[in-house]
Amino acid sequence: MKIRFPWSHPGQVIRALVAVGLVEAARNAFLIGILSSATGQEYLGVNKAAAGLLYSLHLFADLFLKGPTAWISNRLGFGRILLFSSVSALFFTTTILGSTSLPLWLLLVLWGFLVSPLWPSVLAFANSRAIPGKESRAATWAFAFSAPLAGLSGIAMVYLYPAKPELGAQILYWGQMVTILFAITLVSLKIPLIKKKELGYRWTKLAILLPAAFCQQLAPSLFNPVLSTYLHEMKLGPLMLGITVVIGAVVGFFLMHQGARFADRRGPRAVLILGVALMATTGFFLARQDPSFFPWIGLLAGAAISLFVAGWNGLVVQVLPQAERATAWGVLMSVEALGQTAGPTLGSLALAEFGLQGPFILAAYIMVAVGVFYLWDFWRSR
């Protein structure tokens, strides 16, 4: 069966997405699998509180100049920025895990700053290659190719690094070498610039989404500082976790395509609201701390994330201006990253106040509030 990709030049777009996914995979493997683990904290000489603060500083550096750095990426060329970010990521991980007298906070801040233009730039690039009428699918498939690499690497390193830290560091190193090779083949890529100004574009269409963008990234990032502890407390072996991930991936792959197609044809808001509702339900299930629920959690999470991504991307491509799309996407992602930055600190506070279930219950109620907002927006737009 021939796969019909939603881009006019799919090979080029897929290579760019995989390269960005690999850069993000290295970052998540370090932040979630090493910095957030007891073994990694002991090696780096930091405690849990300091690790959470360093995590937040890194994310803040990532978000702080996403819009301006995406604008620079437009001018210098996306391919050059991708190669530079890949090389700098290798430098930072090898320096941090090696013997260095440089402050850890400084290295993590610089690392966050230098990778900040990647996501808005690659999404704008994928959208610029979208076949007319398939814009939602183009943006959604972009996440489908890159996000799994980023997400699974962190979970895998949670198990690998405490058991075999040297092997984990070697995998991190060679994975980034592969990323650099990918980036070299894409060094000439550029995002087409649209210099003609759009008449009558109302920035309030984008501004009204900013509170929801903040909250919907805040909720899942509450899990980051407790994910390693949660998985060990649940005594989930690699087999059960693997089954859960496979169920979620299969359900997610199917529903993401169908949800994006529905968003292109009927509008994205209904798909988005359903995805948000399922994300809230997943949070409540996780708070039950019952290992026997995990296959069902995999199903729920796969459906929730896929429908949410399809609906959100469909809504965003309708709202963003055509000119300077990477810059506008960068501004939106900066607000999202503010939520990601606040999440680890707030998640740690919820853990201290309410126990292991605290971050999951709080995340679920935040997504309920986001769902109410989208219902209002859906009613308002009719």
Protein backbone atom coordinates (compact mmCIF):
# COMPACT_ATOMS: atom_id res chain seq x y z
CA MET A 1 0.00 0.00 0.00
CA LYS A 2 1.42 3.35 -1.05
CA ILE A 3 1.50 5.93 1.75
CA ARG A 4 0.27 9.35 0.68
CA PHE A 5 2.19 11.90 2.65
CA PRO A 6 0.68 15.39 3.07
CA TRP A 7 3.80 17.14 1.72
CA SER A 8 4.92 17.96 -1.81
CA HIS A 9 8.52 16.85 -1.08
CA PRO A 10 8.07 14.15 1.60
CA GLY A 11 11.61 12.74 1.62
CA GLN A 12 13.16 16.09 2.44
CA VAL A 13 10.57 16.90 5.10
CA ILE A 14 10.86 13.49 6.79
CA ARG A 15 14.65 13.73 7.03
CA ALA A 16 14.34 17.17 8.65
CA LEU A 17 11.75 15.91 11.13
CA VAL A 18 13.82 12.85 12.09
CA ALA A 19 16.89 15.04 12.59
CA VAL A 20 15.01 17.42 14.93
CA GLY A 21 13.50 14.40 16.71
CA LEU A 22 16.99 13.01 17.33
CA VAL A 23 18.22 16.35 18.74
CA GLU A 24 15.22 16.37 21.09
CA ALA A 25 15.78 12.68 21.92
CA ALA A 26 19.28 13.42 23.21
CA ARG A 27 17.96 16.31 25.27
CA ASN A 28 15.12 14.30 26.83
CA ALA A 29 17.42 11.34 27.50
CA PHE A 30 19.65 13.64 29.52
CA LEU A 31 16.95 15.71 31.28
CA ILE A 32 14.54 12.88 32.15
CA GLY A 33 16.80 9.83 32.20
CA ILE A 34 19.95 11.31 33.77
CA LEU A 35 19.34 14.68 35.45
CA SER A 36 16.05 13.51 37.03
CA SER A 37 17.41 10.13 38.22
CA ALA A 38 19.10 9.48 41.56
CA THR A 39 22.11 7.91 39.79
CA GLY A 40 22.53 10.92 37.52
CA GLN A 41 22.11 13.40 40.38
CA GLU A 42 24.78 11.60 42.41
CA TYR A 43 27.18 11.63 39.43
CA LEU A 44 26.54 15.31 38.70
CA GLY A 45 26.70 16.26 42.39
CA VAL A 46 23.22 17.79 42.71
CA ASN A 47 20.19 17.03 44.88
CA LYS A 48 16.56 16.70 43.77
CA ALA A 49 15.72 20.36 44.36
CA ALA A 50 18.77 21.57 42.43
CA ALA A 51 18.01 19.14 39.60
CA GLY A 52 14.47 20.51 39.32
CA LEU A 53 15.78 24.07 39.25
CA LEU A 54 18.36 23.21 36.55
CA TYR A 55 15.63 21.51 34.52
CA SER A 56 13.49 24.65 34.72
CA LEU A 57 16.43 26.94 33.84
CA HIS A 58 17.14 24.89 30.73
CA LEU A 59 13.52 25.03 29.59
CA PHE A 60 13.34 28.76 30.32
CA ALA A 61 16.41 29.34 28.15
CA ASP A 62 14.70 27.33 25.41
CA LEU A 63 11.54 29.42 25.53
CA PHE A 64 12.99 32.87 26.16
CA LEU A 65 13.91 33.73 22.57
CA LYS A 66 12.01 31.16 20.49
CA GLY A 67 10.37 33.85 18.36
CA PRO A 68 13.53 35.88 17.62
CA THR A 69 15.70 32.78 17.09
CA ALA A 70 13.11 31.36 14.68
CA TRP A 71 13.25 34.68 12.82
CA ILE A 72 17.06 34.34 12.62
CA SER A 73 16.65 30.74 11.44
CA ASN A 74 14.47 32.02 8.58
CA ARG A 75 17.25 34.35 7.45
CA LEU A 76 20.32 32.16 7.98
CA GLY A 77 18.69 29.00 6.70
CA PHE A 78 16.98 26.24 8.65
CA GLY A 79 19.53 23.63 7.54
CA ARG A 80 22.46 25.59 8.94
CA ILE A 81 20.72 26.16 12.26
CA LEU A 82 19.87 22.44 12.46
CA LEU A 83 23.51 21.45 11.94
CA PHE A 84 24.74 24.01 14.48
CA SER A 85 22.18 22.85 17.08
CA SER A 86 23.15 19.19 16.53
CA VAL A 87 26.85 19.88 17.02
CA SER A 88 26.23 22.07 20.08
CA ALA A 89 24.01 19.38 21.68
CA LEU A 90 26.85 16.86 21.33
CA PHE A 91 29.27 19.35 22.88
CA PHE A 92 27.02 20.04 25.87
CA THR A 93 26.24 16.41 26.73
CA THR A 94 29.86 15.26 26.43
CA THR A 95 31.07 18.27 28.45
CA ILE A 96 28.47 17.82 31.22
CA LEU A 97 29.05 14.06 31.53
CA GLY A 98 32.81 14.51 31.29
CA SER A 99 35.15 16.29 33.67
CA THR A 100 34.50 20.03 33.45
CA SER A 101 34.97 23.01 35.71
CA LEU A 102 32.25 24.98 33.90
CA PRO A 103 29.06 25.62 35.93
CA LEU A 104 26.33 23.09 35.15
CA TRP A 105 23.64 25.78 35.10
CA LEU A 106 25.54 27.77 32.47
CA LEU A 107 25.93 24.77 30.16
CA LEU A 108 22.24 23.87 30.45
CA VAL A 109 21.14 27.47 29.81
CA LEU A 110 23.31 27.74 26.68
CA TRP A 111 22.07 24.36 25.47
CA GLY A 112 18.45 25.43 25.84
CA PHE A 113 19.07 28.71 24.03
CA LEU A 114 20.84 27.10 21.06
CA VAL A 115 18.11 24.50 20.38
CA SER A 116 15.25 26.99 20.78
CA PRO A 117 14.61 27.69 17.05
CA LEU A 118 14.36 24.03 16.00
CA TRP A 119 10.70 23.22 16.70
CA PRO A 120 9.08 26.38 15.26
CA SER A 121 11.40 26.23 12.25
CA VAL A 122 10.81 22.58 11.38
CA LEU A 123 7.03 22.95 11.79
CA ALA A 124 7.04 26.03 9.58
CA PHE A 125 9.17 24.16 7.03
CA ALA A 126 6.81 21.15 7.04
CA ASN A 127 3.81 23.47 6.70
CA SER A 128 5.45 25.30 3.78
CA ARG A 129 5.61 21.96 1.92
CA ALA A 130 1.99 21.02 2.75
CA ILE A 131 -0.31 19.98 -0.10
CA PRO A 132 -3.28 22.44 -0.24
CA GLY A 133 -6.18 21.11 1.81
CA LYS A 134 -3.91 18.93 3.94
CA GLU A 135 -2.45 21.55 6.26
CA SER A 136 -3.68 19.90 9.48
CA ARG A 137 -2.30 16.55 8.38
CA ALA A 138 1.03 18.13 7.45
CA ALA A 139 1.48 19.67 10.92
CA THR A 140 0.20 16.55 12.71
CA TRP A 141 2.41 14.15 10.77
CA ALA A 142 5.33 16.43 11.57
CA PHE A 143 4.84 15.63 15.25
CA ALA A 144 4.27 11.95 14.47
CA PHE A 145 7.71 11.65 12.90
CA SER A 146 9.70 13.57 15.51
CA ALA A 147 7.92 13.50 18.88
CA PRO A 148 8.10 9.69 19.49
CA LEU A 149 11.89 9.80 19.25
CA ALA A 150 11.99 12.57 21.83
CA GLY A 151 9.49 10.95 24.19
CA LEU A 152 10.72 7.35 24.14
CA SER A 153 14.37 8.27 24.63
CA GLY A 154 13.67 9.79 28.05
CA ILE A 155 11.68 6.75 29.24
CA ALA A 156 14.33 4.33 27.92
CA MET A 157 17.13 6.21 29.71
CA VAL A 158 15.15 6.09 32.99
CA TYR A 159 15.71 2.32 32.96
CA LEU A 160 19.11 2.17 31.25
CA TYR A 161 21.19 4.83 33.01
CA PRO A 162 20.75 3.71 36.66
CA ALA A 163 21.63 0.12 35.66
CA LYS A 164 24.42 0.83 33.15
CA PRO A 165 25.46 4.49 33.21
CA GLU A 166 28.47 4.03 30.91
CA LEU A 167 26.36 2.30 28.25
CA GLY A 168 23.73 5.03 28.55
CA ALA A 169 26.34 7.73 28.00
CA GLN A 170 27.76 5.88 24.98
CA ILE A 171 24.32 5.51 23.38
CA LEU A 172 23.72 9.21 23.96
CA TYR A 173 27.03 10.05 22.28
CA TRP A 174 26.60 7.85 19.19
CA GLY A 175 22.97 8.86 18.78
CA GLN A 176 24.08 12.46 18.48
CA MET A 177 26.77 11.53 15.96
CA VAL A 178 24.01 10.03 13.79
CA THR A 179 22.02 13.26 14.23
CA ILE A 180 24.95 15.32 12.92
CA LEU A 181 25.18 13.10 9.83
CA PHE A 182 21.46 13.66 9.19
CA ALA A 183 21.90 17.41 9.64
CA ILE A 184 24.84 17.56 7.18
CA THR A 185 22.59 16.22 4.40
CA LEU A 186 20.08 19.02 5.11
CA VAL A 187 22.43 21.98 5.49
CA SER A 188 21.08 23.75 2.37
CA LEU A 189 17.41 23.71 3.50
CA LYS A 190 15.62 27.04 3.76
CA ILE A 191 12.06 28.02 4.71
CA PRO A 192 10.41 29.98 1.86
CA LEU A 193 10.00 33.61 2.92
CA ILE A 194 6.73 35.37 2.14
CA LYS A 195 7.56 39.07 2.00
CA LYS A 196 4.10 40.29 1.08
CA LYS A 197 2.23 41.52 4.15
CA GLU A 198 -1.16 40.04 4.98
CA LEU A 199 -3.89 42.66 4.98
CA GLY A 200 -6.35 42.61 7.87
CA TYR A 201 -4.67 39.89 9.91
CA ARG A 202 -5.91 40.12 13.48
CA TRP A 203 -3.33 39.05 16.06
CA THR A 204 -6.13 38.63 18.60
CA LYS A 205 -6.91 35.31 16.86
CA LEU A 206 -3.53 34.09 18.08
CA ALA A 207 -3.58 35.91 21.43
CA ILE A 208 -6.81 34.25 22.57
CA LEU A 209 -5.12 30.84 22.39
CA LEU A 210 -2.16 31.80 24.59
CA PRO A 211 -3.70 30.93 28.02
CA ALA A 212 -4.73 27.49 26.76
CA ALA A 213 -1.31 26.98 25.17
CA PHE A 214 0.30 27.69 28.55
CA CYS A 215 -1.99 25.37 30.55
CA GLN A 216 -1.98 22.42 28.16
CA GLN A 217 1.82 22.27 28.32
CA LEU A 218 1.91 22.93 32.06
CA ALA A 219 -0.23 19.85 32.79
CA PRO A 220 1.96 17.06 31.32
CA SER A 221 5.20 18.73 32.46
CA LEU A 222 4.02 18.30 36.07
CA PHE A 223 5.00 14.62 35.62
CA ASN A 224 8.64 15.27 34.66
CA PRO A 225 10.26 15.40 38.11
CA VAL A 226 8.26 12.41 39.40
CA LEU A 227 8.20 10.13 36.34
CA SER A 228 11.24 8.09 37.33
CA THR A 229 9.99 7.69 40.92
CA TYR A 230 6.47 6.85 39.75
CA LEU A 231 7.61 4.09 37.39
CA HIS A 232 9.78 2.51 40.08
CA GLU A 233 7.03 2.78 42.73
CA MET A 234 4.61 1.02 40.38
CA LYS A 235 7.24 -1.74 39.96
CA LEU A 236 6.61 -1.76 36.23
CA GLY A 237 9.07 -3.99 34.43
CA PRO A 238 10.27 -3.23 30.91
CA LEU A 239 7.78 -5.79 29.50
CA MET A 240 4.66 -4.16 30.99
CA LEU A 241 5.92 -0.69 30.11
CA GLY A 242 6.70 -1.89 26.58
CA ILE A 243 3.18 -3.32 26.18
CA THR A 244 1.68 -0.04 27.40
CA VAL A 245 3.81 2.02 25.00
CA VAL A 246 3.02 -0.27 22.02
CA ILE A 247 -0.73 -0.07 22.70
CA GLY A 248 -0.54 3.70 22.93
CA ALA A 249 1.59 3.96 19.79
CA VAL A 250 -0.71 1.78 17.67
CA VAL A 251 -3.87 3.56 18.81
CA GLY A 252 -2.18 6.93 18.47
CA PHE A 253 -0.87 6.30 14.96
CA PHE A 254 -4.31 5.32 13.69
CA LEU A 255 -6.28 8.08 15.42
CA MET A 256 -3.77 10.82 14.66
CA HIS A 257 -4.21 10.34 10.92
CA GLN A 258 -7.99 10.06 11.16
CA GLY A 259 -8.23 13.02 13.53
CA ALA A 260 -6.10 15.22 11.26
CA ARG A 261 -8.18 14.23 8.23
CA PHE A 262 -11.36 15.13 10.12
CA ALA A 263 -9.78 18.45 11.18
CA ASP A 264 -8.95 19.28 7.54
CA ARG A 265 -12.48 18.47 6.36
CA ARG A 266 -14.77 19.48 9.25
CA GLY A 267 -12.67 21.79 11.41
CA PRO A 268 -10.26 21.04 14.29
CA ARG A 269 -12.19 22.12 17.41
CA ALA A 270 -14.27 18.97 18.00
CA VAL A 271 -11.16 16.77 17.65
CA LEU A 272 -9.23 19.05 20.03
CA ILE A 273 -11.95 19.01 22.72
CA LEU A 274 -12.16 15.20 22.63
CA GLY A 275 -8.37 14.94 22.92
CA VAL A 276 -8.30 17.29 25.92
CA ALA A 277 -11.08 15.32 27.65
CA LEU A 278 -9.16 12.06 27.20
CA MET A 279 -5.97 13.69 28.52
CA ALA A 280 -7.81 14.67 31.71
CA THR A 281 -9.17 11.13 32.04
CA THR A 282 -5.65 9.71 31.63
CA GLY A 283 -4.43 11.92 34.49
CA PHE A 284 -7.13 10.60 36.81
CA PHE A 285 -6.26 6.99 35.88
CA LEU A 286 -2.55 7.59 36.54
CA ALA A 287 -3.39 9.01 39.96
CA ARG A 288 -4.96 5.67 40.95
CA GLN A 289 -1.45 4.12 40.99
CA ASP A 290 -2.74 0.72 39.91
CA PRO A 291 -0.29 -1.22 37.67
CA SER A 292 -3.11 -3.38 36.26
CA PHE A 293 -4.59 -0.22 34.68
CA PHE A 294 -1.52 0.48 32.58
CA PRO A 295 -2.62 -1.24 29.34
CA TRP A 296 -5.81 0.86 29.52
CA ILE A 297 -3.75 3.93 30.32
CA GLY A 298 -1.69 3.23 27.19
CA LEU A 299 -4.88 3.10 25.13
CA LEU A 300 -6.26 6.28 26.68
CA ALA A 301 -2.97 8.18 26.43
CA GLY A 302 -2.44 7.16 22.81
CA ALA A 303 -5.92 8.31 21.84
CA ALA A 304 -5.66 11.49 23.90
CA ILE A 305 -2.30 12.64 22.57
CA SER A 306 -3.10 11.81 18.94
CA LEU A 307 -6.45 13.62 18.91
CA PHE A 308 -5.06 16.55 20.87
CA VAL A 309 -2.10 16.95 18.49
CA ALA A 310 -4.35 16.67 15.42
CA GLY A 311 -6.86 19.19 16.76
CA TRP A 312 -4.33 21.65 18.15
CA ASN A 313 -2.17 21.70 15.01
CA GLY A 314 -5.26 22.03 12.85
CA LEU A 315 -6.35 25.04 14.90
CA VAL A 316 -2.89 26.62 14.89
CA VAL A 317 -2.40 26.41 11.11
CA GLN A 318 -5.75 28.17 10.70
CA VAL A 319 -4.76 30.97 13.09
CA LEU A 320 -1.10 31.73 12.31
CA PRO A 321 -0.29 34.31 9.64
CA GLN A 322 1.25 33.06 6.39
CA ALA A 323 4.08 35.60 6.48
CA GLU A 324 6.73 34.97 9.16
CA ARG A 325 5.01 31.74 10.19
CA ALA A 326 8.09 30.36 11.92
CA THR A 327 8.40 33.52 14.03
CA ALA A 328 4.70 33.45 15.00
CA TRP A 329 4.96 29.73 15.78
CA GLY A 330 7.99 30.54 17.90
CA VAL A 331 6.02 33.09 19.93
CA LEU A 332 3.23 30.57 20.51
CA MET A 333 5.72 27.88 21.50
CA SER A 334 7.40 30.30 23.90
CA VAL A 335 4.12 30.56 25.79
CA GLU A 336 3.79 26.77 25.70
CA ALA A 337 7.33 26.45 27.02
CA LEU A 338 6.49 28.81 29.89
CA GLY A 339 4.02 26.15 30.97
CA GLN A 340 6.68 23.46 30.54
CA THR A 341 9.09 25.51 32.64
CA ALA A 342 6.63 26.03 35.49
CA GLY A 343 5.57 22.36 35.42
CA PRO A 344 8.56 20.67 37.10
CA THR A 345 8.59 23.12 40.02
CA LEU A 346 4.81 22.95 40.49
CA GLY A 347 4.91 19.16 40.10
CA SER A 348 7.52 18.92 42.87
CA LEU A 349 5.33 21.08 45.14
CA ALA A 350 2.28 18.90 44.39
CA LEU A 351 4.38 15.81 45.17
CA ALA A 352 5.49 17.25 48.51
CA GLU A 353 1.98 18.37 49.49
CA PHE A 354 -0.24 15.53 48.21
CA GLY A 355 2.07 12.59 47.61
CA LEU A 356 2.79 10.72 44.38
CA GLN A 357 -0.76 11.14 43.06
CA GLY A 358 -0.66 14.93 43.50
CA PRO A 359 0.93 15.93 40.15
CA PHE A 360 -1.42 13.65 38.19
CA ILE A 361 -4.61 14.90 39.85
CA LEU A 362 -3.52 18.52 39.41
CA ALA A 363 -2.73 17.88 35.73
CA ALA A 364 -6.14 16.29 35.21
CA TYR A 365 -8.01 19.28 36.66
CA ILE A 366 -5.93 21.70 34.57
CA MET A 367 -6.95 19.81 31.42
CA VAL A 368 -10.60 19.93 32.54
CA ALA A 369 -10.28 23.73 32.69
CA VAL A 370 -8.65 23.77 29.24
CA GLY A 371 -11.52 21.67 27.87
CA VAL A 372 -14.06 24.14 29.25
CA PHE A 373 -12.16 26.97 27.52
CA TYR A 374 -12.24 25.17 24.16
CA LEU A 375 -15.96 24.45 24.55
CA TRP A 376 -16.50 28.18 25.03
CA ASP A 377 -14.29 28.96 22.03
CA PHE A 378 -16.19 26.39 19.93
CA TRP A 379 -19.52 27.95 20.92
CA ARG A 380 -18.16 31.46 20.24
CA SER A 381 -16.87 30.57 16.76
CA ARG A 382 -20.14 29.04 15.52
